[in-house]
Amino acid sequence: MLMTSWSRDADAVPVEVDVVLDNPVGGSADIPYHAALDLAFADFMHQYGVRNTTTQSLRITGITLTPVHNDRDPRDPPRCTVGMVLAAGERCYLLVSKPH
């Protein structure tokens, strides 16, 4: 058994939001590339947080990934799905994988 003491302050890390829905009249938002999609130790996956930063509810009307990427069940709920309504300030998650 190995034990060690922690000699520094612990830092809180905010939940990552990769995709921001910030237009109250709708539109589209890009799902950015993430390096984890090309790293074996990350299982060629990245979980994206999608957040509605407007003051009104927004409906997800489509999710489009490139042909080399797959939509998988995210580690955290709720999963972003077509038809889902995100209230102001709410978030959902998308787990994108790149098969190898």
C-alpha atoms as a PDB file:
ATOM      1  CA  MET A   1       0.000   0.000   0.000  1.00  0.00           C
ATOM      2  CA  LEU A   2       1.299   3.439  -0.939  1.00  0.00           C
ATOM      3  CA  MET A   3       0.141   6.541   0.876  1.00  0.00           C
ATOM      4  CA  THR A   4       1.078  10.160   0.489  1.00  0.00           C
ATOM      5  CA  SER A   5      -0.054  13.438   1.974  1.00  0.00           C
ATOM      6  CA  TRP A   6      -1.457  16.277  -0.102  1.00  0.00           C
ATOM      7  CA  SER A   7       0.462  19.454   0.618  1.00  0.00           C
ATOM      8  CA  ARG A   8      -1.383  21.878  -1.651  1.00  0.00           C
ATOM      9  CA  ASP A   9      -4.857  23.333  -1.856  1.00  0.00           C
ATOM     10  CA  ALA A  10      -7.316  21.329  -3.915  1.00  0.00           C
ATOM     11  CA  ASP A  11      -8.600  23.071  -7.024  1.00  0.00           C
ATOM     12  CA  ALA A  12     -12.188  22.772  -8.200  1.00  0.00           C
ATOM     13  CA  VAL A  13     -12.483  22.173 -11.923  1.00  0.00           C
ATOM     14  CA  PRO A  14     -15.628  23.413 -13.682  1.00  0.00           C
ATOM     15  CA  VAL A  15     -17.651  21.022 -15.814  1.00  0.00           C
ATOM     16  CA  GLU A  16     -16.392  21.404 -19.349  1.00  0.00           C
ATOM     17  CA  VAL A  17     -18.777  22.894 -21.891  1.00  0.00           C
ATOM     18  CA  ASP A  18     -17.576  22.366 -25.438  1.00  0.00           C
ATOM     19  CA  VAL A  19     -20.674  23.464 -27.351  1.00  0.00           C
ATOM     20  CA  VAL A  20     -22.562  26.631 -26.433  1.00  0.00           C
ATOM     21  CA  LEU A  21     -26.080  27.273 -27.687  1.00  0.00           C
ATOM     22  CA  ASP A  22     -26.213  31.050 -27.428  1.00  0.00           C
ATOM     23  CA  ASN A  23     -28.696  32.190 -30.071  1.00  0.00           C
ATOM     24  CA  PRO A  24     -32.253  32.506 -28.665  1.00  0.00           C
ATOM     25  CA  VAL A  25     -33.791  32.312 -32.152  1.00  0.00           C
ATOM     26  CA  GLY A  26     -31.968  29.059 -32.955  1.00  0.00           C
ATOM     27  CA  GLY A  27     -29.367  28.200 -35.531  1.00  0.00           C
ATOM     28  CA  SER A  28     -26.466  25.784 -35.496  1.00  0.00           C
ATOM     29  CA  ALA A  29     -23.427  25.220 -33.325  1.00  0.00           C
ATOM     30  CA  ASP A  30     -20.235  23.422 -34.305  1.00  0.00           C
ATOM     31  CA  ILE A  31     -18.976  20.391 -32.425  1.00  0.00           C
ATOM     32  CA  PRO A  32     -15.253  21.175 -32.250  1.00  0.00           C
ATOM     33  CA  TYR A  33     -12.476  18.657 -32.827  1.00  0.00           C
ATOM     34  CA  HIS A  34     -10.908  17.326 -29.632  1.00  0.00           C
ATOM     35  CA  ALA A  35      -7.474  15.658 -29.463  1.00  0.00           C
ATOM     36  CA  ALA A  36      -8.873  12.771 -27.365  1.00  0.00           C
ATOM     37  CA  LEU A  37     -10.536  11.468 -30.545  1.00  0.00           C
ATOM     38  CA  ASP A  38      -7.064  10.490 -31.787  1.00  0.00           C
ATOM     39  CA  LEU A  39      -5.592   9.138 -28.530  1.00  0.00           C
ATOM     40  CA  ALA A  40      -5.695   5.453 -27.650  1.00  0.00           C
ATOM     41  CA  PHE A  41      -5.488   6.111 -23.888  1.00  0.00           C
ATOM     42  CA  ALA A  42      -8.672   8.165 -24.224  1.00  0.00           C
ATOM     43  CA  ASP A  43     -10.325   5.252 -26.086  1.00  0.00           C
ATOM     44  CA  PHE A  44     -10.641   7.500 -29.155  1.00  0.00           C
ATOM     45  CA  MET A  45     -13.617   9.256 -27.503  1.00  0.00           C
ATOM     46  CA  HIS A  46     -14.570  12.619 -26.089  1.00  0.00           C
ATOM     47  CA  GLN A  47     -17.633  13.594 -24.103  1.00  0.00           C
ATOM     48  CA  TYR A  48     -18.941  17.001 -25.124  1.00  0.00           C
ATOM     49  CA  GLY A  49     -21.018  19.183 -22.859  1.00  0.00           C
ATOM     50  CA  VAL A  50     -23.727  21.146 -24.695  1.00  0.00           C
ATOM     51  CA  ARG A  51     -25.220  24.090 -22.795  1.00  0.00           C
ATOM     52  CA  ASN A  52     -28.077  26.466 -23.514  1.00  0.00           C
ATOM     53  CA  THR A  53     -26.802  29.879 -22.429  1.00  0.00           C
ATOM     54  CA  THR A  54     -29.878  31.793 -23.608  1.00  0.00           C
ATOM     55  CA  THR A  55     -32.770  32.921 -21.414  1.00  0.00           C
ATOM     56  CA  GLN A  56     -35.300  30.655 -23.135  1.00  0.00           C
ATOM     57  CA  SER A  57     -35.761  26.988 -23.953  1.00  0.00           C
ATOM     58  CA  LEU A  58     -34.199  25.626 -27.142  1.00  0.00           C
ATOM     59  CA  ARG A  59     -35.076  22.400 -29.006  1.00  0.00           C
ATOM     60  CA  ILE A  60     -32.330  20.260 -30.563  1.00  0.00           C
ATOM     61  CA  THR A  61     -33.524  19.629 -34.118  1.00  0.00           C
ATOM     62  CA  GLY A  62     -30.507  17.756 -35.446  1.00  0.00           C
ATOM     63  CA  ILE A  63     -27.105  16.336 -34.574  1.00  0.00           C
ATOM     64  CA  THR A  64     -24.692  15.732 -37.433  1.00  0.00           C
ATOM     65  CA  LEU A  65     -21.304  14.077 -37.071  1.00  0.00           C
ATOM     66  CA  THR A  66     -18.726  13.430 -39.770  1.00  0.00           C
ATOM     67  CA  PRO A  67     -18.912   9.936 -41.345  1.00  0.00           C
ATOM     68  CA  VAL A  68     -15.836   8.777 -39.361  1.00  0.00           C
ATOM     69  CA  HIS A  69     -17.399   9.568 -35.961  1.00  0.00           C
ATOM     70  CA  ASN A  70     -20.093   7.780 -33.942  1.00  0.00           C
ATOM     71  CA  ASP A  71     -22.587   9.027 -31.356  1.00  0.00           C
ATOM     72  CA  ARG A  72     -22.432   6.854 -28.217  1.00  0.00           C
ATOM     73  CA  ASP A  73     -24.143   6.855 -24.827  1.00  0.00           C
ATOM     74  CA  PRO A  74     -22.437   9.547 -22.728  1.00  0.00           C
ATOM     75  CA  ARG A  75     -21.018   8.837 -19.295  1.00  0.00           C
ATOM     76  CA  ASP A  76     -23.201  11.576 -17.800  1.00  0.00           C
ATOM     77  CA  PRO A  77     -26.938  12.066 -18.335  1.00  0.00           C
ATOM     78  CA  PRO A  78     -28.851  13.475 -20.008  1.00  0.00           C
ATOM     79  CA  ARG A  79     -27.842  12.432 -23.509  1.00  0.00           C
ATOM     80  CA  CYS A  80     -28.356  15.083 -26.212  1.00  0.00           C
ATOM     81  CA  THR A  81     -30.998  13.786 -28.606  1.00  0.00           C
ATOM     82  CA  VAL A  82     -32.975  15.195 -31.504  1.00  0.00           C
ATOM     83  CA  GLY A  83     -36.214  16.636 -30.130  1.00  0.00           C
ATOM     84  CA  MET A  84     -34.775  17.312 -26.671  1.00  0.00           C
ATOM     85  CA  VAL A  85     -35.686  20.683 -25.187  1.00  0.00           C
ATOM     86  CA  LEU A  86     -32.990  22.361 -23.117  1.00  0.00           C
ATOM     87  CA  ALA A  87     -34.302  24.971 -20.710  1.00  0.00           C
ATOM     88  CA  ALA A  88     -32.266  28.125 -20.128  1.00  0.00           C
ATOM     89  CA  GLY A  89     -28.988  27.184 -18.451  1.00  0.00           C
ATOM     90  CA  GLU A  90     -29.457  23.426 -18.873  1.00  0.00           C
ATOM     91  CA  ARG A  91     -26.904  21.109 -20.444  1.00  0.00           C
ATOM     92  CA  CYS A  92     -26.826  17.714 -22.079  1.00  0.00           C
ATOM     93  CA  TYR A  93     -23.980  15.469 -23.177  1.00  0.00           C
ATOM     94  CA  LEU A  94     -22.753  13.848 -26.347  1.00  0.00           C
ATOM     95  CA  LEU A  95     -20.103  11.129 -26.410  1.00  0.00           C
ATOM     96  CA  VAL A  96     -18.346  11.053 -29.781  1.00  0.00           C
ATOM     97  CA  SER A  97     -16.059   8.188 -30.769  1.00  0.00           C
ATOM     98  CA  LYS A  98     -13.705   7.620 -33.647  1.00  0.00           C
ATOM     99  CA  PRO A  99     -13.455   3.883 -34.423  1.00  0.00           C
ATOM    100  CA  HIS A 100      -9.967   2.528 -35.173  1.00  0.00           C
END
